[in-house]
Protein backbone atom coordinates (compact mmCIF):
# COMPACT_ATOMS: atom_id res chain seq x y z
CA UNK A 1 23.01 -121.30 106.56
CA UNK A 2 26.47 -121.64 105.01
CA UNK A 3 29.25 -120.15 107.12
CA UNK A 4 30.23 -116.75 105.74
CA UNK A 5 32.34 -115.04 108.42
CA UNK A 6 34.49 -115.60 111.49
CA UNK A 7 34.62 -113.04 114.28
CA UNK A 8 37.70 -113.18 116.53
CA UNK A 9 38.30 -111.98 120.04
CA UNK A 10 41.88 -110.77 120.55
CA UNK A 11 43.39 -111.09 124.05
CA UNK A 12 43.70 -114.76 124.95
CA UNK A 13 42.13 -115.91 121.68
CA UNK A 14 44.30 -114.68 118.82
CA UNK A 15 47.34 -114.32 121.09
CA UNK A 16 48.34 -114.96 124.66
CA UNK A 17 48.67 -111.31 125.62
CA UNK A 18 47.42 -111.22 129.19
CA UNK A 19 50.78 -111.72 130.91
CA UNK A 20 52.18 -108.77 128.95
CA UNK A 21 49.20 -106.63 129.90
CA UNK A 22 49.75 -107.61 133.57
CA UNK A 23 53.41 -106.57 133.48
CA UNK A 24 52.53 -103.28 131.79
CA UNK A 25 49.98 -102.47 134.48
CA UNK A 26 52.54 -103.16 137.23
CA UNK A 27 55.17 -101.00 135.57
CA UNK A 28 52.67 -98.14 135.23
CA UNK A 29 51.83 -98.44 138.90
CA UNK A 30 55.48 -98.43 139.91
CA UNK A 31 56.24 -95.36 137.77
CA UNK A 32 53.41 -93.53 139.51
CA UNK A 33 54.91 -94.37 142.91
CA UNK A 34 52.06 -96.71 143.86
CA UNK A 35 52.74 -99.85 145.88
CA UNK A 36 50.16 -101.83 143.92
CA UNK A 37 51.28 -105.13 142.42
CA UNK A 38 49.01 -107.46 140.46
CA UNK A 39 50.35 -110.99 140.72
CA UNK A 40 49.06 -113.70 138.39
CA UNK A 41 46.36 -114.92 140.76
CA UNK A 42 45.00 -111.40 141.39
CA UNK A 43 45.15 -110.53 137.71
CA UNK A 44 43.21 -113.65 136.75
CA UNK A 45 40.49 -112.54 139.15
CA UNK A 46 40.57 -108.98 137.80
CA UNK A 47 40.10 -110.28 134.24
CA UNK A 48 36.48 -110.88 135.14
CA UNK A 49 36.19 -107.08 134.85
CA UNK A 50 36.43 -106.15 131.16
CA UNK A 51 38.38 -103.06 130.10
CA UNK A 52 41.70 -101.89 131.54
CA UNK A 53 40.43 -98.62 132.97
CA UNK A 54 37.44 -100.38 134.45
CA UNK A 55 39.77 -102.98 135.94
CA UNK A 56 41.83 -100.30 137.67
CA UNK A 57 38.74 -98.65 139.06
CA UNK A 58 37.46 -101.97 140.37
CA UNK A 59 40.79 -102.67 142.03
CA UNK A 60 40.86 -99.23 143.60
CA UNK A 61 37.37 -99.69 145.04
CA UNK A 62 38.29 -103.07 146.49
CA UNK A 63 41.90 -102.62 147.58
CA UNK A 64 42.68 -98.89 147.66
CA UNK A 65 39.50 -97.14 148.80
CA UNK A 66 41.45 -94.01 149.73
CA UNK A 67 42.20 -93.61 146.03
CA UNK A 68 38.56 -94.13 145.13
CA UNK A 69 37.53 -90.81 146.55
CA UNK A 70 37.69 -87.75 144.32
CA UNK A 71 39.84 -88.09 141.26
CA UNK A 72 39.58 -91.83 140.84
CA UNK A 73 38.48 -91.62 137.22
CA UNK A 74 41.31 -89.23 136.34
CA UNK A 75 43.90 -91.44 137.98
CA UNK A 76 42.51 -94.57 136.31
CA UNK A 77 42.63 -92.92 132.88
CA UNK A 78 46.20 -91.71 133.46
CA UNK A 79 47.41 -95.13 134.61
CA UNK A 80 45.67 -96.93 131.79
CA UNK A 81 47.09 -94.55 129.19
CA UNK A 82 50.64 -95.11 130.51
CA UNK A 83 50.04 -98.87 130.67
CA UNK A 84 48.99 -98.81 127.02
CA UNK A 85 52.16 -96.93 126.08
CA UNK A 86 54.28 -99.57 127.84
CA UNK A 87 52.40 -102.42 126.19
CA UNK A 88 52.68 -100.84 122.73
CA UNK A 89 56.39 -100.31 123.18
CA UNK A 90 56.79 -104.02 123.88
CA UNK A 91 54.74 -104.87 120.81
CA UNK A 92 56.83 -102.56 118.64
CA UNK A 93 59.94 -104.33 119.81
CA UNK A 94 59.72 -107.96 120.77
CA UNK A 95 56.07 -108.43 119.86
CA UNK A 96 53.75 -111.30 120.81
CA UNK A 97 53.12 -114.23 118.43
CA UNK A 98 49.65 -115.44 117.51
CA UNK A 99 48.53 -118.61 119.22
CA UNK A 100 49.46 -121.84 117.47
CA UNK A 101 47.12 -122.52 114.57
CA UNK A 102 45.58 -119.05 114.39
CA UNK A 103 47.64 -117.78 111.43
CA UNK A 104 46.87 -120.97 109.53
CA UNK A 105 43.14 -120.65 110.24
CA UNK A 106 43.15 -117.01 109.04
CA UNK A 107 44.91 -118.03 105.83
CA UNK A 108 42.58 -120.98 105.29
CA UNK A 109 39.47 -118.92 105.91
CA UNK A 110 40.62 -116.21 103.52
CA UNK A 111 41.40 -118.84 100.83
CA UNK A 112 37.86 -120.14 101.12
CA UNK A 113 36.27 -116.70 100.83
CA UNK A 114 35.21 -116.26 104.43
CA UNK A 115 35.05 -112.75 105.78
CA UNK A 116 37.03 -111.97 108.94
CA UNK A 117 36.23 -109.53 111.74
CA UNK A 118 37.46 -108.65 115.21
CA UNK A 119 35.25 -107.99 118.25
CA UNK A 120 37.34 -107.18 121.30
CA UNK A 121 37.36 -105.24 124.55
CA UNK A 122 40.92 -104.06 124.06
CA UNK A 123 41.80 -100.77 122.37
CA UNK A 124 42.21 -100.29 118.60
CA UNK A 125 45.86 -99.34 119.18
CA UNK A 126 46.50 -102.69 120.88
CA UNK A 127 44.82 -104.54 118.04
CA UNK A 128 46.85 -102.63 115.45
CA UNK A 129 50.11 -103.41 117.29
CA UNK A 130 49.43 -107.14 117.58
CA UNK A 131 48.03 -107.71 114.11
CA UNK A 132 50.51 -105.48 112.30
CA UNK A 133 53.43 -107.23 113.95
CA UNK A 134 52.02 -110.73 113.30
CA UNK A 135 50.42 -110.34 109.87
CA UNK A 136 52.14 -107.33 108.37
CA UNK A 137 51.02 -103.87 107.34
CA UNK A 138 48.23 -105.20 105.13
CA UNK A 139 46.41 -107.01 107.92
CA UNK A 140 43.38 -104.67 107.62
CA UNK A 141 42.68 -106.11 104.17
CA UNK A 142 42.20 -109.44 105.96
CA UNK A 143 40.15 -107.89 108.81
CA UNK A 144 38.23 -104.94 107.35
CA UNK A 145 35.86 -104.99 110.33
CA UNK A 146 37.42 -104.21 113.72
CA UNK A 147 35.15 -103.42 116.66
CA UNK A 148 36.78 -102.52 119.99
CA UNK A 149 35.45 -101.91 123.48
CA UNK A 150 35.56 -98.13 123.40
CA UNK A 151 33.52 -98.09 120.19
CA UNK A 152 30.36 -99.38 121.93
CA UNK A 153 28.30 -98.37 124.91
CA UNK A 154 28.90 -101.52 126.93
CA UNK A 155 31.84 -103.89 127.02
CA UNK A 156 31.65 -107.69 127.21
CA UNK A 157 29.77 -109.60 128.59
CA UNK A 158 27.19 -107.28 127.02
CA UNK A 159 26.57 -108.19 123.34
CA UNK A 160 27.27 -104.68 122.00
CA UNK A 161 30.64 -105.27 120.36
CA UNK A 162 29.45 -108.42 118.56
CA UNK A 163 26.26 -106.72 117.47
CA UNK A 164 28.38 -103.91 116.05
CA UNK A 165 30.56 -106.37 114.18
CA UNK A 166 27.50 -108.09 112.71
CA UNK A 167 26.11 -104.74 111.61
CA UNK A 168 29.40 -103.80 109.97
CA UNK A 169 29.55 -107.16 108.21
CA UNK A 170 25.90 -106.80 107.25
CA UNK A 171 25.39 -110.46 108.08
CA UNK A 172 23.01 -112.30 110.40
CA UNK A 173 24.44 -114.05 113.43
CA UNK A 174 23.48 -117.38 111.89
CA UNK A 175 26.05 -116.82 109.12
CA UNK A 176 28.95 -116.28 111.52
CA UNK A 177 30.94 -118.06 114.23
CA UNK A 178 32.70 -116.25 117.08
CA UNK A 179 36.03 -117.41 118.49
CA UNK A 180 36.56 -116.67 122.16
CA UNK A 181 38.58 -117.76 125.22
CA UNK A 182 36.64 -116.42 128.20
CA UNK A 183 33.31 -116.66 129.96
CA UNK A 184 32.65 -112.94 129.44
CA UNK A 185 33.42 -113.19 125.76
CA UNK A 186 31.32 -116.29 125.31
CA UNK A 187 28.37 -114.66 127.04
CA UNK A 188 28.76 -111.59 124.86
CA UNK A 189 28.82 -113.54 121.62
CA UNK A 190 25.97 -115.89 122.58
CA UNK A 191 23.85 -112.92 123.64
CA UNK A 192 24.35 -111.52 120.15
CA UNK A 193 22.96 -114.77 118.73
CA UNK A 194 26.27 -116.20 117.58
CA UNK A 195 27.58 -119.72 117.75
CA UNK A 196 30.81 -119.73 119.76
CA UNK A 197 33.97 -121.80 119.60
CA UNK A 198 35.88 -121.23 122.83
CA UNK A 199 39.59 -122.03 122.76
CA UNK A 200 40.66 -122.36 126.36
CA UNK A 201 43.47 -119.98 127.33
CA UNK A 202 46.27 -121.24 129.60
CA UNK A 203 45.92 -117.93 131.47
CA UNK A 204 42.29 -118.67 132.33
CA UNK A 205 42.22 -122.46 132.56
CA UNK A 206 39.27 -122.58 134.97
CA UNK A 207 36.98 -120.10 133.20
CA UNK A 208 33.47 -121.42 132.72
CA UNK A 209 33.09 -121.94 128.98
CA UNK A 210 30.02 -124.18 129.22
CA UNK A 211 27.99 -121.62 127.29
CA UNK A 212 30.07 -122.18 124.13
CA UNK A 213 28.92 -124.51 121.38
CA UNK A 214 32.38 -126.05 121.13
CA UNK A 215 35.22 -125.95 123.65
CA UNK A 216 38.80 -126.70 122.61
CA UNK A 217 41.71 -127.15 124.96
CA UNK A 218 44.31 -126.73 122.24
CA UNK A 219 44.26 -124.02 119.54
CA UNK A 220 46.25 -126.28 117.23
CA UNK A 221 43.23 -128.47 116.50
CA UNK A 222 41.16 -125.51 115.34
CA UNK A 223 40.72 -125.51 111.57
CA UNK A 224 38.12 -124.64 108.97
CA UNK A 225 36.85 -128.21 108.65
CA UNK A 226 35.97 -128.17 112.34
CA UNK A 227 34.14 -124.88 112.02
CA UNK A 228 32.26 -126.06 108.93
CA UNK A 229 31.21 -129.18 110.83
CA UNK A 230 29.87 -126.98 113.62
CA UNK A 231 28.09 -124.85 111.03
CA UNK A 232 26.45 -127.95 109.66
CA UNK A 233 25.33 -128.79 113.21
CA UNK A 234 27.11 -132.14 113.18
CA UNK A 235 27.85 -131.67 116.85
CA UNK A 236 26.04 -128.71 118.43
CA UNK A 237 27.73 -128.93 121.81
CA UNK A 238 30.89 -130.91 122.46
CA UNK A 239 34.25 -130.74 124.20
CA UNK A 240 37.28 -131.89 122.29
CA UNK A 241 40.90 -132.15 123.45
């Protein structure tokens, strides 16, 4: 089937946001008077848990069991809400650029009549902040379909968010390609029946992306011709530097 839509993950795929999320978590912890500090190694491990609130709860269970007693959910929600405020304040100011090649791919896809969608675990507010800063106030005309983690019952690696995106697009999985950067995201998209191009993120260089149909080490080589070649099944499973 001819390619008709691209479905993008956000964090790590469209932009290298994870370091800014990590810093926002740590600032929220410090403001609350907690001695928790997520260094890069710990945060990479915690990224295997999708969803910021879920990540906090997982950390509490593993490293702060005294906080996991009564009130854990309330504390996690409070910390995550403050973390989001900190992150959005950074986005409103300095912002975070899209990964190299992503803006060009979006422009190229639009020019060729492809539909664009987002399927992410992050919050709608985080998506709005990133895309509005990078693509301008009219970015929703480019991405009319945005499905986020809190809009579905289960977050990645479950297929729910990709299935929701396909339903909103009213397209079969065979007409779309998902762009991801993580093992959880790849599993989610593949479980929804999608072909997946995984663009390896420097923040997760060792993530197992073997489930993807195409793995790229550099986002700058990603273009529409490459995706159309994948759509035509010229190379169903390759790695390319």
